[in-house]
Amino acid sequence: MCREAVNDDVQALSDLFWDTVSSDISYVSHGELQMGIAEREDVLAADGKRKWQRYIVDKISAPTSRVFVAEDDGVVRGFVVVEIASDGDLPFGVICDLIVRRDMRGAGLGGILLDVGRRWLCDRGVASVYLVYGVVNNNAHAFFERHGFRMVSHVFRLG
């Protein structure tokens, strides 16, 4: 079952996020670096989980974003974070995060979460959707390409 996240989900969401990123550093992209969750592409910040918790609370409560949770028997199996950005010619959507528990991958849950997030964006008139994943996260790249996304840029960092 998929539903909107609430503040009571923050601990489970942050546990799943931190388990994922700490066991697979390829998840780190410029977003984790910008938020201070990671110090470098290959080093997580000691207080990164706390910083991510603050981020997810903001996404749950903001009017321009939603967090959708996939759960089974009250256990979070995955989630997607989507938001509407308006700093372009037209508003556009951003898939900020999409995570499925490792033991649930390959069963279609990621596609379901992606569809739920895209549907929420579409229902608000958003036609273009963007996302960024770590440069070496080839599994994520292949997943998104299978779902119709295509690469349009690279992100570089100085410092």
C-alpha atoms as a PDB file:
ATOM      1  CA  MET A   1       0.000   0.000   0.000  1.00  0.00           C
ATOM      2  CA  CYS A   2       1.217   3.533  -0.811  1.00  0.00           C
ATOM      3  CA  ARG A   3       0.217   6.543   1.232  1.00  0.00           C
ATOM      4  CA  GLU A   4       1.423  10.026   2.063  1.00  0.00           C
ATOM      5  CA  ALA A   5       4.064  10.131   4.766  1.00  0.00           C
ATOM      6  CA  VAL A   6       3.396  11.800   8.096  1.00  0.00           C
ATOM      7  CA  ASN A   7       5.764  12.995  10.817  1.00  0.00           C
ATOM      8  CA  ASP A   8       5.396   9.659  12.616  1.00  0.00           C
ATOM      9  CA  ASP A   9       7.214   8.097   9.613  1.00  0.00           C
ATOM     10  CA  VAL A  10      10.360  10.222   9.949  1.00  0.00           C
ATOM     11  CA  GLN A  11      12.356   7.688  11.969  1.00  0.00           C
ATOM     12  CA  ALA A  12      11.540   4.764   9.651  1.00  0.00           C
ATOM     13  CA  LEU A  13      12.266   6.889   6.571  1.00  0.00           C
ATOM     14  CA  SER A  14      15.582   8.103   7.936  1.00  0.00           C
ATOM     15  CA  ASP A  15      16.564   4.576   9.003  1.00  0.00           C
ATOM     16  CA  LEU A  16      15.847   3.280   5.488  1.00  0.00           C
ATOM     17  CA  PHE A  17      17.653   6.208   3.864  1.00  0.00           C
ATOM     18  CA  TRP A  18      20.711   5.848   6.101  1.00  0.00           C
ATOM     19  CA  ASP A  19      20.836   2.059   5.706  1.00  0.00           C
ATOM     20  CA  THR A  20      20.740   2.512   1.934  1.00  0.00           C
ATOM     21  CA  VAL A  21      23.305   5.275   1.588  1.00  0.00           C
ATOM     22  CA  SER A  22      25.715   3.871   4.182  1.00  0.00           C
ATOM     23  CA  SER A  23      25.729   0.436   2.545  1.00  0.00           C
ATOM     24  CA  ASP A  24      25.968   1.775  -1.022  1.00  0.00           C
ATOM     25  CA  ILE A  25      27.955   4.994  -1.288  1.00  0.00           C
ATOM     26  CA  SER A  26      27.117   5.161  -5.028  1.00  0.00           C
ATOM     27  CA  TYR A  27      23.816   6.671  -3.923  1.00  0.00           C
ATOM     28  CA  VAL A  28      25.556   9.938  -3.004  1.00  0.00           C
ATOM     29  CA  SER A  29      24.917  12.756  -5.469  1.00  0.00           C
ATOM     30  CA  HIS A  30      25.294  16.519  -5.297  1.00  0.00           C
ATOM     31  CA  GLY A  31      22.145  16.691  -3.147  1.00  0.00           C
ATOM     32  CA  GLU A  32      23.752  14.807  -0.274  1.00  0.00           C
ATOM     33  CA  LEU A  33      26.872  16.951  -0.640  1.00  0.00           C
ATOM     34  CA  GLN A  34      24.908  20.225  -0.701  1.00  0.00           C
ATOM     35  CA  MET A  35      22.928  19.259   2.406  1.00  0.00           C
ATOM     36  CA  GLY A  36      26.028  18.154   4.296  1.00  0.00           C
ATOM     37  CA  ILE A  37      24.836  14.559   4.495  1.00  0.00           C
ATOM     38  CA  ALA A  38      28.074  13.550   2.788  1.00  0.00           C
ATOM     39  CA  GLU A  39      31.445  15.244   3.168  1.00  0.00           C
ATOM     40  CA  ARG A  40      32.702  13.863  -0.154  1.00  0.00           C
ATOM     41  CA  GLU A  41      31.323  11.510  -2.779  1.00  0.00           C
ATOM     42  CA  ASP A  42      32.708   8.594  -0.774  1.00  0.00           C
ATOM     43  CA  VAL A  43      32.404   9.824   2.833  1.00  0.00           C
ATOM     44  CA  LEU A  44      29.181  10.349   4.774  1.00  0.00           C
ATOM     45  CA  ALA A  45      29.029  13.067   7.418  1.00  0.00           C
ATOM     46  CA  ALA A  46      28.941  11.939  11.038  1.00  0.00           C
ATOM     47  CA  ASP A  47      25.729  13.929  11.550  1.00  0.00           C
ATOM     48  CA  GLY A  48      24.342  13.161   8.096  1.00  0.00           C
ATOM     49  CA  LYS A  49      21.376  11.141   9.323  1.00  0.00           C
ATOM     50  CA  ARG A  50      20.241  14.005  11.568  1.00  0.00           C
ATOM     51  CA  LYS A  51      20.547  16.434   8.645  1.00  0.00           C
ATOM     52  CA  TRP A  52      18.502  14.123   6.436  1.00  0.00           C
ATOM     53  CA  GLN A  53      15.809  13.887   9.132  1.00  0.00           C
ATOM     54  CA  ARG A  54      15.502  17.671   9.112  1.00  0.00           C
ATOM     55  CA  TYR A  55      15.234  17.571   5.304  1.00  0.00           C
ATOM     56  CA  ILE A  56      12.489  14.921   5.277  1.00  0.00           C
ATOM     57  CA  VAL A  57      10.425  16.758   7.905  1.00  0.00           C
ATOM     58  CA  ASP A  58      10.542  19.811   5.633  1.00  0.00           C
ATOM     59  CA  LYS A  59       9.473  17.756   2.590  1.00  0.00           C
ATOM     60  CA  ILE A  60       6.557  16.180   4.480  1.00  0.00           C
ATOM     61  CA  SER A  61       5.219  19.558   5.568  1.00  0.00           C
ATOM     62  CA  ALA A  62       5.894  21.772   2.522  1.00  0.00           C
ATOM     63  CA  PRO A  63       2.930  22.540   0.227  1.00  0.00           C
ATOM     64  CA  THR A  64       5.053  21.988  -2.890  1.00  0.00           C
ATOM     65  CA  SER A  65       6.387  18.557  -1.992  1.00  0.00           C
ATOM     66  CA  ARG A  66       5.140  15.143  -0.957  1.00  0.00           C
ATOM     67  CA  VAL A  67       6.663  12.005   0.465  1.00  0.00           C
ATOM     68  CA  PHE A  68       4.916   8.767  -0.415  1.00  0.00           C
ATOM     69  CA  VAL A  69       5.567   5.616   1.584  1.00  0.00           C
ATOM     70  CA  ALA A  70       5.122   2.020   0.487  1.00  0.00           C
ATOM     71  CA  GLU A  71       4.378  -0.136   3.477  1.00  0.00           C
ATOM     72  CA  ASP A  72       3.317  -3.671   4.206  1.00  0.00           C
ATOM     73  CA  ASP A  73       1.999  -4.714   7.619  1.00  0.00           C
ATOM     74  CA  GLY A  74       3.062  -1.334   9.010  1.00  0.00           C
ATOM     75  CA  VAL A  75       6.671  -1.726   7.823  1.00  0.00           C
ATOM     76  CA  VAL A  76       8.118   0.864   5.439  1.00  0.00           C
ATOM     77  CA  ARG A  77       9.370  -0.931   2.313  1.00  0.00           C
ATOM     78  CA  GLY A  78      10.250   2.148   0.280  1.00  0.00           C
ATOM     79  CA  PHE A  79       9.491   5.789  -0.355  1.00  0.00           C
ATOM     80  CA  VAL A  80       9.636   8.540  -2.937  1.00  0.00           C
ATOM     81  CA  VAL A  81      10.116  12.267  -2.346  1.00  0.00           C
ATOM     82  CA  VAL A  82       8.752  14.600  -5.032  1.00  0.00           C
ATOM     83  CA  GLU A  83       8.546  18.349  -5.276  1.00  0.00           C
ATOM     84  CA  ILE A  84       7.423  21.089  -7.605  1.00  0.00           C
ATOM     85  CA  ALA A  85      10.023  23.706  -8.474  1.00  0.00           C
ATOM     86  CA  SER A  86       9.061  27.013 -10.009  1.00  0.00           C
ATOM     87  CA  ASP A  87      12.389  28.588 -10.890  1.00  0.00           C
ATOM     88  CA  GLY A  88      11.997  27.860 -14.600  1.00  0.00           C
ATOM     89  CA  ASP A  89       9.788  28.998 -17.466  1.00  0.00           C
ATOM     90  CA  LEU A  90       7.135  26.543 -16.275  1.00  0.00           C
ATOM     91  CA  PRO A  91       6.907  24.655 -12.995  1.00  0.00           C
ATOM     92  CA  PHE A  92       8.725  21.319 -13.132  1.00  0.00           C
ATOM     93  CA  GLY A  93       8.856  18.254 -10.977  1.00  0.00           C
ATOM     94  CA  VAL A  94      11.812  16.796  -9.142  1.00  0.00           C
ATOM     95  CA  ILE A  95      12.165  13.241  -7.893  1.00  0.00           C
ATOM     96  CA  CYS A  96      14.333  14.089  -4.880  1.00  0.00           C
ATOM     97  CA  ASP A  97      14.722  10.551  -3.539  1.00  0.00           C
ATOM     98  CA  LEU A  98      13.442   7.101  -4.384  1.00  0.00           C
ATOM     99  CA  ILE A  99      14.515   4.255  -2.149  1.00  0.00           C
ATOM    100  CA  VAL A 100      13.345   0.669  -1.872  1.00  0.00           C
ATOM    101  CA  ARG A 101      14.650  -1.712   0.774  1.00  0.00           C
ATOM    102  CA  ARG A 102      17.404  -3.912  -0.650  1.00  0.00           C
ATOM    103  CA  ASP A 103      15.459  -7.116  -0.007  1.00  0.00           C
ATOM    104  CA  MET A 104      12.453  -5.728  -1.919  1.00  0.00           C
ATOM    105  CA  ARG A 105      14.270  -4.534  -5.054  1.00  0.00           C
ATOM    106  CA  GLY A 106      13.332  -6.077  -8.369  1.00  0.00           C
ATOM    107  CA  ALA A 107       9.729  -6.751  -7.323  1.00  0.00           C
ATOM    108  CA  GLY A 108       8.239  -3.647  -8.987  1.00  0.00           C
ATOM    109  CA  LEU A 109       7.895  -1.497  -5.874  1.00  0.00           C
ATOM    110  CA  GLY A 110      10.214   1.207  -7.232  1.00  0.00           C
ATOM    111  CA  GLY A 111       8.074   1.537 -10.347  1.00  0.00           C
ATOM    112  CA  ILE A 112       4.931   1.812  -8.246  1.00  0.00           C
ATOM    113  CA  LEU A 113       6.449   4.554  -6.087  1.00  0.00           C
ATOM    114  CA  LEU A 114       7.730   6.379  -9.155  1.00  0.00           C
ATOM    115  CA  ASP A 115       4.264   6.250 -10.715  1.00  0.00           C
ATOM    116  CA  VAL A 116       2.625   7.553  -7.516  1.00  0.00           C
ATOM    117  CA  GLY A 117       5.041  10.483  -7.393  1.00  0.00           C
ATOM    118  CA  ARG A 118       4.684  11.259 -11.099  1.00  0.00           C
ATOM    119  CA  ARG A 119       0.884  11.098 -10.816  1.00  0.00           C
ATOM    120  CA  TRP A 120       0.918  13.611  -7.948  1.00  0.00           C
ATOM    121  CA  LEU A 121       3.053  15.957 -10.057  1.00  0.00           C
ATOM    122  CA  CYS A 122       0.897  15.449 -13.157  1.00  0.00           C
ATOM    123  CA  ASP A 123      -2.289  16.157 -11.188  1.00  0.00           C
ATOM    124  CA  ARG A 124      -0.773  19.556 -10.396  1.00  0.00           C
ATOM    125  CA  GLY A 125      -0.070  20.373 -14.049  1.00  0.00           C
ATOM    126  CA  VAL A 126       3.603  19.427 -14.041  1.00  0.00           C
ATOM    127  CA  ALA A 127       4.752  17.953 -17.351  1.00  0.00           C
ATOM    128  CA  SER A 128       8.570  17.799 -17.025  1.00  0.00           C
ATOM    129  CA  VAL A 129      10.209  15.779 -14.261  1.00  0.00           C
ATOM    130  CA  TYR A 130      13.915  15.756 -13.385  1.00  0.00           C
ATOM    131  CA  LEU A 131      16.084  13.722 -11.044  1.00  0.00           C
ATOM    132  CA  VAL A 132      19.728  13.289 -10.150  1.00  0.00           C
ATOM    133  CA  TYR A 133      21.477  10.172  -8.909  1.00  0.00           C
ATOM    134  CA  GLY A 134      25.106   9.454  -8.046  1.00  0.00           C
ATOM    135  CA  VAL A 135      27.403   9.304 -11.042  1.00  0.00           C
ATOM    136  CA  VAL A 136      28.330   5.642 -10.439  1.00  0.00           C
ATOM    137  CA  ASN A 137      24.869   4.431  -9.406  1.00  0.00           C
ATOM    138  CA  ASN A 138      24.379   2.438 -12.599  1.00  0.00           C
ATOM    139  CA  ASN A 139      21.457   0.411 -11.227  1.00  0.00           C
ATOM    140  CA  ALA A 140      19.483   3.602 -10.596  1.00  0.00           C
ATOM    141  CA  HIS A 141      20.419   4.965 -14.025  1.00  0.00           C
ATOM    142  CA  ALA A 142      19.150   1.802 -15.725  1.00  0.00           C
ATOM    143  CA  PHE A 143      15.955   1.825 -13.633  1.00  0.00           C
ATOM    144  CA  PHE A 144      15.074   5.388 -14.585  1.00  0.00           C
ATOM    145  CA  GLU A 145      15.912   4.815 -18.237  1.00  0.00           C
ATOM    146  CA  ARG A 146      13.540   1.821 -18.240  1.00  0.00           C
ATOM    147  CA  HIS A 147      10.878   4.207 -16.943  1.00  0.00           C
ATOM    148  CA  GLY A 148      11.366   6.727 -19.752  1.00  0.00           C
ATOM    149  CA  PHE A 149      13.917   9.129 -18.287  1.00  0.00           C
ATOM    150  CA  ARG A 150      16.948  10.145 -20.325  1.00  0.00           C
ATOM    151  CA  MET A 151      20.185  11.839 -19.358  1.00  0.00           C
ATOM    152  CA  VAL A 152      20.234  15.559 -20.163  1.00  0.00           C
ATOM    153  CA  SER A 153      23.247  16.871 -18.220  1.00  0.00           C
ATOM    154  CA  HIS A 154      26.109  16.158 -15.851  1.00  0.00           C
ATOM    155  CA  VAL A 155      26.667  17.907 -12.520  1.00  0.00           C
ATOM    156  CA  PHE A 156      30.180  19.111 -11.669  1.00  0.00           C
ATOM    157  CA  ARG A 157      31.502  20.278  -8.315  1.00  0.00           C
ATOM    158  CA  LEU A 158      34.429  22.429  -7.297  1.00  0.00           C
ATOM    159  CA  GLY A 159      35.562  22.269  -3.704  1.00  0.00           C
END
